[in-house]
Protein backbone atom coordinates (compact mmCIF):
# COMPACT_ATOMS: atom_id res chain seq x y z
CA MET A 1 -5.00 2.76 4.92
CA ALA A 2 -2.99 5.82 5.60
CA ALA A 3 -3.13 8.78 3.30
CA SER A 4 -0.11 9.07 1.09
CA CYS A 5 -0.10 12.82 0.52
CA THR A 6 2.84 15.19 0.45
CA ASN A 7 2.04 16.94 3.74
CA THR A 8 1.33 13.86 5.87
CA GLU A 9 3.82 11.12 6.73
CA VAL A 10 3.67 8.02 8.88
CA ILE A 11 6.12 7.53 11.77
CA VAL A 12 6.85 3.83 12.22
CA ASP A 13 9.43 3.77 15.04
CA VAL A 14 6.94 4.20 17.90
CA SER A 15 6.74 2.26 21.16
CA SER A 16 3.74 -0.07 20.99
CA ALA A 17 2.91 0.73 24.63
CA ASP A 18 2.09 4.32 23.69
CA VAL A 19 -0.16 3.57 20.73
CA PRO A 20 -3.97 3.81 21.14
CA CYS A 21 -6.23 1.33 19.35
CA CYS A 22 -9.31 1.64 17.16
CA SER A 23 -11.59 -1.15 15.99
CA HIS A 24 -8.96 -2.12 13.39
CA GLY A 25 -6.16 -2.63 15.91
CA PRO A 26 -3.28 -0.32 16.91
CA THR A 27 -3.44 3.05 15.17
CA LEU A 28 -0.59 4.66 13.26
CA LEU A 29 1.24 7.83 14.26
CA PHE A 30 1.25 10.46 11.52
CA GLU A 31 2.93 13.83 11.20
CA ARG A 32 1.05 16.57 9.37
CA TYR A 33 2.59 19.77 8.06
CA THR A 34 0.72 23.04 7.54
CA LYS A 35 2.30 26.41 6.83
CA SER A 36 0.24 28.15 9.48
CA LYS A 37 0.71 25.66 12.34
CA GLY A 38 3.91 23.82 11.41
CA ASN A 39 4.28 20.11 12.17
CA ARG A 40 1.90 18.25 14.45
CA LYS A 41 1.53 14.54 15.14
CA PHE A 42 -1.69 12.57 15.46
CA TYR A 43 -2.97 9.01 15.73
CA ALA A 44 -5.47 7.67 13.19
CA CYS A 45 -6.78 4.35 11.86
CA SER A 46 -4.17 2.29 10.05
CA ALA A 47 -6.65 0.54 7.75
CA PHE A 48 -8.94 3.31 6.46
CA ARG A 49 -8.06 6.84 5.45
CA ASP A 50 -11.72 7.92 5.30
CA ARG A 51 -12.81 9.08 8.76
CA LYS A 52 -16.42 8.33 7.81
CA LEU A 53 -15.44 4.65 7.84
CA CYS A 54 -13.30 4.79 10.96
CA GLY A 55 -13.52 8.01 12.90
CA PHE A 56 -10.68 7.50 15.37
CA PHE A 57 -8.46 10.60 15.61
CA ARG A 58 -6.32 11.94 18.43
CA TRP A 59 -3.57 14.54 18.51
CA ALA A 60 -0.40 12.96 19.91
CA ASP A 61 0.15 15.82 22.35
CA GLU A 62 -3.33 15.42 23.89
CA GLY A 63 -4.45 12.83 26.42
CA ARG A 64 -7.16 10.22 25.96
CA LYS A 65 -10.71 11.52 25.64
CA GLU A 66 -14.05 9.79 26.01
CA GLU A 67 -14.78 10.21 22.30
CA ASP A 68 -11.62 8.21 21.53
CA SER A 69 -13.60 4.98 22.01
CA PRO A 70 -13.23 2.86 18.85
CA HIS A 71 -16.13 3.08 16.42
CA THR A 72 -16.53 2.27 12.74
CA SER A 73 -18.88 2.64 9.79
CA ASP A 74 -16.95 -0.02 7.90
CA PRO A 75 -19.63 -1.61 5.65
CA ILE A 76 -18.20 -5.10 6.23
CA ALA A 77 -17.03 -5.04 9.86
CA SER A 78 -20.27 -3.41 11.02
CA SER A 79 -22.48 -6.02 9.32
CA PRO A 80 -24.58 -7.87 11.91
CA GLY A 81 -24.11 -11.56 12.47
CA CYS A 82 -20.70 -12.04 10.82
CA HIS A 83 -18.09 -9.86 12.47
CA PHE A 84 -19.32 -10.69 15.99
CA LEU A 85 -19.47 -14.49 15.70
CA SER A 86 -16.51 -16.52 16.93
CA ARG A 87 -14.66 -18.57 14.34
CA LEU A 88 -16.11 -21.75 15.86
CA ALA A 89 -19.65 -20.35 15.60
CA GLN A 90 -19.00 -19.22 12.03
CA ARG A 91 -17.78 -22.70 11.13
CA LYS A 92 -20.86 -24.35 12.64
CA LYS A 93 -23.14 -21.96 10.77
CA PHE A 94 -21.30 -22.64 7.49
CA LEU A 95 -21.77 -26.39 7.88
CA GLN A 96 -25.48 -25.81 8.59
CA PHE A 97 -25.70 -23.58 5.53
CA LYS A 98 -24.24 -26.28 3.26
CA LYS A 99 -26.70 -28.88 4.61
CA GLN A 100 -29.65 -26.77 3.48
CA GLY A 101 -31.24 -27.58 0.14
CA LEU A 102 -30.12 -25.50 -2.85
CA SER A 103 -33.38 -23.52 -2.86
CA LYS A 104 -32.78 -22.42 0.75
CA ARG A 105 -29.15 -21.36 0.41
CA CYS A 106 -29.17 -17.55 0.19
CA LEU A 107 -26.61 -14.76 0.47
CA CYS A 108 -27.33 -11.18 1.53
CA SER A 109 -25.12 -9.12 -0.80
CA THR A 110 -25.86 -5.97 1.20
CA CYS A 111 -24.42 -7.42 4.42
CA GLY A 112 -22.10 -9.99 2.83
CA LEU A 113 -23.67 -12.75 4.93
CA LEU A 114 -24.56 -16.36 4.21
CA LEU A 115 -28.10 -16.79 5.53
CA LEU A 116 -29.85 -19.72 7.12
CA ALA A 117 -33.45 -20.23 6.01
CA GLU A 118 -34.89 -18.52 9.10
CA GLU A 119 -32.73 -15.40 8.59
CA VAL A 120 -33.76 -14.58 5.02
CA MET A 121 -37.03 -12.78 5.80
CA GLU A 122 -35.34 -10.34 8.22
CA HIS A 123 -32.99 -9.16 5.46
CA GLU A 124 -35.75 -9.06 2.84
CA ASP A 125 -37.86 -6.83 5.12
CA LYS A 126 -34.96 -4.36 5.22
CA GLY A 127 -34.85 -4.22 1.41
CA HIS A 128 -31.47 -5.93 1.17
CA CYS A 129 -30.23 -7.53 -2.05
CA ILE A 130 -30.56 -11.33 -1.77
CA LYS A 131 -28.73 -13.86 -3.96
CA ARG A 132 -30.47 -17.23 -4.08
CA ARG A 133 -29.54 -20.81 -4.92
CA ILE A 134 -25.91 -20.56 -3.79
CA THR A 135 -24.21 -23.70 -5.09
CA LYS A 136 -21.46 -25.54 -3.25
CA ALA A 137 -19.17 -24.77 -6.20
CA ALA A 138 -19.83 -21.04 -5.67
CA LEU A 139 -18.79 -21.37 -2.02
CA GLN A 140 -15.37 -22.53 -3.21
CA HIS A 141 -14.93 -19.26 -5.13
CA PRO A 142 -15.81 -16.54 -2.59
CA THR A 143 -14.11 -13.74 -4.59
CA THR A 144 -16.88 -14.11 -7.18
CA LEU A 145 -19.57 -14.77 -4.58
CA PHE A 146 -19.06 -11.62 -2.48
CA GLU A 147 -19.28 -8.17 -4.06
CA PRO A 148 -15.81 -6.50 -4.15
CA GLN A 149 -15.45 -3.42 -1.95
CA GLU A 150 -13.83 -1.09 -4.48
CA ASP A 151 -13.67 2.15 -2.48
CA ASN A 152 -10.03 3.29 -2.72
CA LYS A 153 -10.23 4.76 0.79
CA SER A 154 -11.16 1.45 2.39
CA TYR A 155 -10.72 -2.12 1.11
CA ALA A 156 -9.84 -1.28 -2.52
CA GLN A 157 -10.61 -4.87 -3.53
CA TYR A 158 -9.33 -5.25 -7.06
CA LEU A 159 -8.96 -8.89 -8.03
CA PHE A 160 -6.32 -10.51 -10.25
CA ALA A 161 -7.46 -11.52 -13.73
CA ASP A 162 -7.30 -15.24 -14.51
CA SER A 163 -4.22 -14.75 -16.70
CA ALA A 164 -2.35 -13.04 -13.85
CA VAL A 165 -3.21 -15.82 -11.37
CA LYS A 166 -2.18 -18.52 -13.85
CA PHE A 167 1.13 -16.74 -14.50
CA LEU A 168 1.81 -16.26 -10.79
CA VAL A 169 1.02 -19.87 -9.87
CA GLN A 170 3.36 -21.13 -12.61
CA ARG A 171 6.17 -18.87 -11.40
CA LEU A 172 5.68 -19.94 -7.77
CA GLU A 173 5.81 -23.59 -8.76
CA ASP A 174 9.04 -22.91 -10.68
CA GLN A 175 10.78 -21.90 -7.45
CA ASN A 176 12.96 -24.57 -5.88
CA ASN A 177 11.44 -26.20 -2.79
CA LYS A 178 8.73 -23.56 -2.32
CA THR A 179 5.76 -25.35 -0.78
CA HIS A 180 3.78 -22.75 1.19
CA VAL A 181 2.33 -19.40 0.11
CA LEU A 182 1.42 -16.71 2.66
CA CYS A 183 -1.34 -14.78 0.87
CA VAL A 184 -1.44 -11.32 2.47
CA GLY A 185 -4.39 -9.54 0.88
CA THR A 186 -4.50 -11.89 -2.15
CA PRO A 187 -7.80 -13.81 -1.78
CA ARG A 188 -8.04 -14.85 -5.44
CA LEU A 189 -4.59 -16.45 -5.42
CA HIS A 190 -5.52 -18.32 -2.21
CA GLU A 191 -8.78 -19.46 -3.78
CA VAL A 192 -7.05 -20.81 -6.91
CA LEU A 193 -4.29 -22.57 -4.96
CA ARG A 194 -6.89 -24.33 -2.81
CA ALA A 195 -8.83 -25.40 -5.92
CA LEU A 196 -5.67 -26.75 -7.57
CA ARG A 197 -4.75 -28.61 -4.40
CA ARG A 198 -8.21 -30.21 -4.18
CA GLU A 199 -7.82 -31.37 -7.77
CA GLY A 200 -4.33 -32.73 -7.11
CA ASN A 201 -2.72 -30.25 -9.53
CA THR A 202 -0.42 -28.63 -6.98
CA GLN A 203 1.23 -29.51 -3.68
CA MET A 204 1.42 -25.89 -2.52
CA SER A 205 -0.40 -24.94 0.69
CA SER A 206 -1.65 -21.43 1.38
CA LEU A 207 -2.81 -19.28 4.29
CA LEU A 208 -4.95 -16.21 3.60
CA MET A 209 -4.41 -13.17 5.84
CA ASP A 210 -7.02 -10.56 4.90
CA LEU A 211 -9.03 -7.73 6.46
CA ASP A 212 -12.32 -8.85 4.90
CA SER A 213 -14.32 -10.69 7.56
CA ARG A 214 -16.70 -12.17 4.95
CA TYR A 215 -14.09 -14.76 3.96
CA ALA A 216 -14.10 -16.12 7.53
CA GLN A 217 -17.57 -17.53 6.79
CA VAL A 218 -16.28 -19.97 4.17
CA TYR A 219 -12.69 -20.60 5.29
CA SER A 220 -11.71 -22.34 8.50
CA LYS A 221 -9.25 -20.74 10.89
CA LYS A 222 -6.57 -23.14 9.61
CA VAL A 223 -6.54 -21.52 6.18
CA MET A 224 -7.66 -17.92 6.85
CA CYS A 225 -6.82 -15.28 9.49
CA ARG A 226 -8.59 -11.93 9.64
CA TYR A 227 -5.66 -9.54 9.55
CA ASN A 228 -4.70 -5.87 9.13
CA MET A 229 -1.55 -5.64 7.01
CA PHE A 230 -0.89 -2.01 7.96
CA ASN A 231 -0.24 -2.73 11.64
CA HIS A 232 0.32 -6.54 11.75
CA HIS A 233 -2.82 -6.98 13.81
CA PHE A 234 -4.70 -10.30 14.08
CA PHE A 235 -8.41 -9.96 14.90
CA ASP A 236 -8.95 -13.60 15.83
CA PRO A 237 -7.77 -14.64 19.34
CA HIS A 238 -5.65 -17.48 17.95
CA GLY A 239 -4.88 -15.91 14.57
CA GLU A 240 -1.25 -15.18 15.33
CA ASP A 241 -0.73 -18.73 16.64
CA GLN A 242 -2.12 -20.12 13.39
CA PHE A 243 0.17 -17.81 11.40
CA LYS A 244 3.21 -19.01 13.35
CA SER A 245 2.15 -22.63 12.96
CA PHE A 246 1.89 -22.18 9.18
CA VAL A 247 5.34 -20.52 9.09
CA ARG A 248 6.90 -23.37 11.08
CA GLU A 249 5.32 -25.96 8.83
CA ALA A 250 6.56 -24.12 5.73
CA GLY A 251 10.14 -23.79 6.93
CA ARG A 252 12.34 -22.51 4.10
CA GLY A 253 9.61 -23.35 1.62
CA LEU A 254 7.65 -20.16 2.41
CA VAL A 255 6.88 -17.40 -0.10
CA LEU A 256 5.01 -14.22 0.92
CA VAL A 257 2.71 -12.76 -1.76
CA THR A 258 1.00 -9.44 -1.05
CA ASP A 259 -1.26 -7.11 -3.01
CA PRO A 260 -1.89 -4.12 -0.70
CA PRO A 261 -4.18 -1.16 -1.44
CA PHE A 262 -2.15 1.25 -3.56
CA GLY A 263 -2.99 4.25 -1.37
CA GLY A 264 -1.33 2.69 1.67
CA MET A 265 1.80 4.08 3.27
CA VAL A 266 4.83 2.14 2.00
CA GLU A 267 6.65 2.58 5.32
CA ALA A 268 3.81 0.93 7.26
CA LEU A 269 3.68 -1.98 4.81
CA VAL A 270 7.45 -2.47 4.98
CA THR A 271 7.31 -2.49 8.80
CA THR A 272 4.73 -5.28 8.61
CA LEU A 273 6.80 -7.29 6.12
CA ARG A 274 9.80 -7.01 8.42
CA LYS A 275 7.76 -8.25 11.37
CA ILE A 276 6.60 -11.24 9.32
CA GLU A 277 10.16 -11.91 8.21
CA LYS A 278 11.42 -11.67 11.82
CA THR A 279 8.83 -14.24 12.93
CA TRP A 280 9.81 -16.53 10.05
CA LYS A 281 13.51 -16.28 10.87
CA THR A 282 12.81 -16.99 14.54
CA GLU A 283 10.55 -19.97 13.86
CA VAL A 284 12.74 -21.48 11.12
CA LEU A 285 16.14 -20.53 12.62
CA THR A 286 17.51 -18.95 9.45
CA ASP A 287 19.31 -15.75 8.46
CA ALA A 288 18.08 -15.87 4.85
CA ASP A 289 15.81 -13.21 3.37
CA LEU A 290 12.14 -14.10 3.26
CA PRO A 291 11.06 -14.56 -0.40
CA VAL A 292 8.61 -11.77 -1.24
CA VAL A 293 6.33 -11.07 -4.21
CA TRP A 294 4.76 -7.62 -3.86
CA PHE A 295 2.23 -6.12 -6.32
CA PHE A 296 2.37 -2.33 -6.55
CA PRO A 297 2.29 0.44 -9.22
CA TYR A 298 5.48 1.09 -11.20
CA PHE A 299 5.55 4.76 -10.14
CA MET A 300 6.13 3.64 -6.54
CA GLU A 301 9.37 1.85 -7.49
CA LYS A 302 11.67 4.41 -5.86
CA ARG A 303 9.80 4.33 -2.53
CA VAL A 304 9.54 0.55 -2.43
CA CYS A 305 13.17 -0.09 -3.35
CA GLU A 306 14.44 2.57 -0.94
CA CYS A 307 12.67 0.78 1.90
CA LEU A 308 13.48 -2.75 0.67
CA PRO A 309 16.63 -2.59 -1.50
CA SER A 310 16.55 -6.36 -2.07
CA LEU A 311 13.43 -6.02 -4.25
CA THR A 312 13.54 -5.57 -8.02
CA MET A 313 10.66 -4.46 -10.22
CA LEU A 314 9.66 -6.78 -13.06
CA ASP A 315 8.17 -5.55 -16.34
CA TYR A 316 5.08 -7.76 -16.15
CA LYS A 317 1.89 -5.66 -16.39
CA VAL A 318 -0.52 -7.20 -13.90
CA PRO A 319 -4.15 -7.26 -15.14
CA TYR A 320 -7.16 -7.07 -12.81
CA ASP A 321 -10.77 -8.10 -13.46
CA ASN A 322 -12.71 -5.26 -11.89
CA HIS A 323 -10.70 -2.12 -12.66
CA ASN A 324 -10.65 -0.52 -16.13
CA LEU A 325 -7.28 1.15 -15.60
CA PHE A 326 -5.67 -2.05 -14.30
CA GLN A 327 -6.48 -4.09 -17.40
CA ASN A 328 -4.24 -4.61 -20.40
CA VAL A 329 -5.05 -3.39 -23.90
CA ARG A 330 -6.41 -6.75 -25.05
CA GLN A 331 -9.01 -6.63 -22.28
CA GLY A 332 -10.02 -3.06 -23.16
CA GLY A 333 -7.73 -1.38 -20.63
CA ARG A 334 -5.50 1.67 -20.92
CA LYS A 335 -3.24 2.01 -23.97
CA LYS A 336 -0.08 1.60 -21.91
CA GLY A 337 -1.44 -1.48 -20.15
CA SER A 338 -1.86 -1.97 -16.42
CA PRO A 339 0.41 0.25 -14.26
CA VAL A 340 0.76 -2.53 -11.65
CA ARG A 341 4.06 -4.43 -11.50
CA ILE A 342 5.67 -7.19 -9.44
CA PHE A 343 8.44 -6.39 -6.96
CA THR A 344 10.39 -9.43 -5.81
CA ASN A 345 13.66 -10.63 -4.30
CA LEU A 346 13.40 -14.00 -6.04
CA PRO A 347 15.98 -14.63 -8.82
CA LEU A 348 14.90 -12.73 -11.95
CA LEU A 349 15.69 -15.70 -14.19
CA SER A 350 13.17 -17.76 -12.21
CA PHE A 351 10.44 -15.31 -13.28
CA PRO A 352 10.29 -15.69 -17.08
CA LEU A 353 7.62 -13.39 -18.50
CA PRO A 354 5.19 -14.82 -21.09
CA SER A 355 6.60 -14.65 -24.62
CA SER A 356 3.03 -15.08 -25.92
CA GLU A 357 2.38 -11.53 -24.70
CA GLY A 358 5.52 -10.12 -26.32
CA TYR A 359 7.89 -10.17 -23.35
CA TRP A 360 11.48 -10.90 -24.37
CA PHE A 361 14.79 -11.74 -22.71
CA CYS A 362 17.54 -9.11 -22.79
CA ASP A 363 20.93 -10.82 -22.92
CA VAL A 364 22.72 -7.64 -21.81
CA CYS A 365 20.52 -6.97 -18.75
CA GLN A 366 19.95 -10.68 -18.07
CA ARG A 367 16.29 -10.01 -17.40
CA PHE A 368 12.92 -10.20 -19.13
CA SER A 369 11.60 -6.96 -20.63
CA ALA A 370 8.26 -5.70 -21.90
CA PRO A 371 7.61 -5.57 -25.68
CA GLU A 372 8.05 -1.78 -25.82
CA ASN A 373 11.07 -1.72 -23.49
CA ALA A 374 13.94 -1.42 -25.97
CA HIS A 375 17.48 -1.79 -24.63
CA CYS A 376 19.44 1.48 -24.60
CA PHE A 377 23.13 0.86 -25.23
CA LYS A 378 24.05 4.34 -24.02
CA CYS A 379 22.38 3.73 -20.63
CA ASN A 380 23.31 0.03 -20.83
CA SER A 381 19.84 -0.83 -19.57
CA CYS A 382 16.23 -1.51 -20.57
CA THR A 383 14.97 1.83 -19.32
CA SER A 384 11.22 2.01 -19.98
CA LYS A 385 8.92 1.91 -16.94
CA ASP A 386 5.44 3.13 -17.87
CA GLY A 387 4.50 0.99 -20.87
CA THR A 388 5.95 3.27 -23.57
CA THR A 389 9.32 3.29 -25.33
CA TYR A 390 11.73 5.83 -23.83
CA ALA A 391 14.16 7.91 -25.90
CA HIS A 392 17.75 8.73 -24.93
CA CYS A 393 18.60 12.40 -24.35
CA ASP A 394 22.31 13.05 -24.87
CA ALA A 395 22.12 16.40 -23.05
CA CYS A 396 20.60 14.81 -19.93
CA GLY A 397 22.65 11.63 -20.31
CA ARG A 398 19.66 9.36 -19.70
CA CYS A 399 16.47 8.00 -21.26
CA VAL A 400 13.26 9.99 -20.88
CA LYS A 401 9.63 9.56 -21.87
CA ALA A 402 9.02 10.12 -25.58
CA THR A 403 6.64 12.98 -24.74
CA ARG A 404 9.50 15.00 -23.21
CA VAL A 405 11.84 17.37 -25.09
CA HIS A 406 15.08 18.89 -23.84
CA CYS A 407 14.78 22.50 -22.70
CA PRO A 408 18.13 24.38 -22.84
CA SER A 409 16.82 27.06 -20.47
CA CYS A 410 15.80 24.61 -17.75
CA GLY A 411 18.58 22.13 -18.49
CA VAL A 412 16.19 19.17 -18.30
CA CYS A 413 13.68 17.32 -20.46
CA ASP A 414 10.09 18.41 -19.92
CA LEU A 415 6.73 18.65 -21.67
CA PRO A 416 6.79 21.00 -24.69
CA GLU A 417 4.18 23.28 -23.10
CA HIS A 418 5.98 23.65 -19.76
CA ILE A 419 6.78 27.10 -18.32
CA CYS A 420 10.51 27.67 -17.93
CA GLY A 421 11.59 28.25 -14.33
CA GLN A 422 8.39 26.89 -12.85
CA ARG A 423 9.07 25.08 -9.60
CA ARG A 424 8.00 21.43 -9.43
CA GLY A 425 6.96 20.45 -5.93
CA ASP A 426 7.27 22.30 -2.66
CA GLY A 427 10.71 21.03 -1.72
CA CYS A 428 11.55 20.48 1.94
CA HIS A 429 9.18 21.94 4.53
CA ILE A 430 11.94 22.07 7.16
CA CYS A 431 14.91 23.76 5.49
CA GLY A 432 13.26 24.95 2.25
CA ASP A 433 15.72 23.27 -0.15
CA LEU A 434 14.23 21.88 -3.35
CA ASP A 435 16.56 18.90 -3.78
CA HIS A 436 14.90 16.72 -1.12
CA LYS A 437 11.66 16.19 0.81
CA ARG A 438 11.05 16.54 4.53
CA ARG A 439 11.57 12.83 5.22
CA GLU A 440 15.18 13.02 3.89
CA CYS A 441 16.08 16.36 5.52
CA PRO A 442 19.36 16.20 7.50
CA GLN A 443 17.90 18.75 9.93
CA ARG A 444 14.71 16.77 10.57
CA ASN A 445 15.58 15.65 14.10
CA SER A 446 17.12 18.92 15.15
CA PRO A 447 15.11 20.57 18.00
CA SER A 448 15.44 23.98 16.38
CA THR A 449 13.81 22.78 13.15
CA ARG A 450 11.22 20.37 14.52
CA ILE A 451 8.53 23.00 14.05
CA TYR A 452 8.70 24.75 10.70
CA GLU A 453 7.56 28.36 10.97
CA GLY A 454 6.98 29.13 7.32
CA LYS A 455 10.33 30.76 6.55
CA ARG A 456 11.70 30.13 3.10
CA SER A 457 15.35 29.77 2.27
CA ALA A 458 16.89 32.19 -0.18
CA LYS A 459 17.03 29.41 -2.72
CA GLN A 460 13.31 28.80 -2.44
CA ALA A 461 12.35 32.48 -2.41
CA GLN A 462 13.93 33.04 -5.84
CA VAL A 463 11.74 30.45 -7.51
CA ILE A 464 9.13 31.73 -9.92
CA PRO A 465 5.65 31.11 -8.46
CA LYS A 466 3.40 28.51 -10.03
CA LYS A 467 1.22 29.61 -12.92
CA LYS A 468 -1.46 27.89 -14.88
CA ARG A 469 0.00 25.85 -17.72
CA ARG A 470 -0.43 27.06 -21.26
CA THR A 471 -2.30 24.74 -23.56
CA LYS A 472 -1.82 24.38 -27.26
């Protein structure tokens, strides 16, 4: 995924004919700012922000070089025997695997591969970790069978807790005439929906679109496409056809559910969602908005809603199994609960939050709020975002975190130990003003300001330089 740092931004309006490719599909065009060299654009992998995992890099103002050839150290994609098999060959191998006796069914956890009996010794000789006696029931739950890739710079595979999946399935079934779920990077939801459908407990169909090639071993091409959500790239030759077929079959009953890595560039994700929505509108012949359920941290609300104004953030704290910070207090997580929320354009009243966990309905806001999110009658809103109760500041005219106090000198609420006059952030790298970032600068596309040469505006020059914070 692309780095989401202050000095690097993704540029999404680029002609596809000009974009080079790496082993994860078309690369993304980024713009990097440095004080010494100004702005410069480059192409890099859309999926991984660690160049040790995918080393593709090319300056946009330089031509193609021999070393541009795609290569990867991706621990999954570079595993032998899985990534390079066709889907038909993978399916045949899977059927052979299931026919083996229980004592012969093994999984190499190191490579993420299901092994036939004659392949086991080769992996043992290499010192790989082997799981034995893989049951057929385990094959129906691949998110517990394969080890999650938790590196935040690559797959960042954090899996929904059972309570979150149960809540989400109930809410999806509450929607009128929603029959198909497009699971973009949500393998556990896909797994549960398929299990419920086998048991006759739901009529909802699902298609998994995920970067992890290990799932292609257990799922047929009809229910899983290997896919890069940061550039809308299908790895399988007929993956896009299967996606379109699923969309046509769903019609207006489609819901898109996505749980992207939290370090990914919002703009790239939004571009992908718009491409999916455009395909849906074309296939279904509709002008309606595609129903979306997007899981992302609450502190990204401004970015998400700026890019997709139709989305609203719910108060539901989404728990995950394999991340201490993404669990709720009852599961031993952080005191404020999980920072992950749901962003959706579905009607808020169709997403009732569980009263058993303390969520309540605010008659004034006509929405469900978290237990600690008290309604502020001065703001006329339930204002809390981070899992604490906010307090209203009359001087600022808005609610702020309870840890903040109003500073008459600065004219804002801040931490008690803050240094008055200290600048927060670097402001705009193009014009120097502090009231906006480079991406919102009105002079951004002006030829005279395209390269910033390190000059500060008078407004910026008067700011007191940063100092180390005092501690109590």
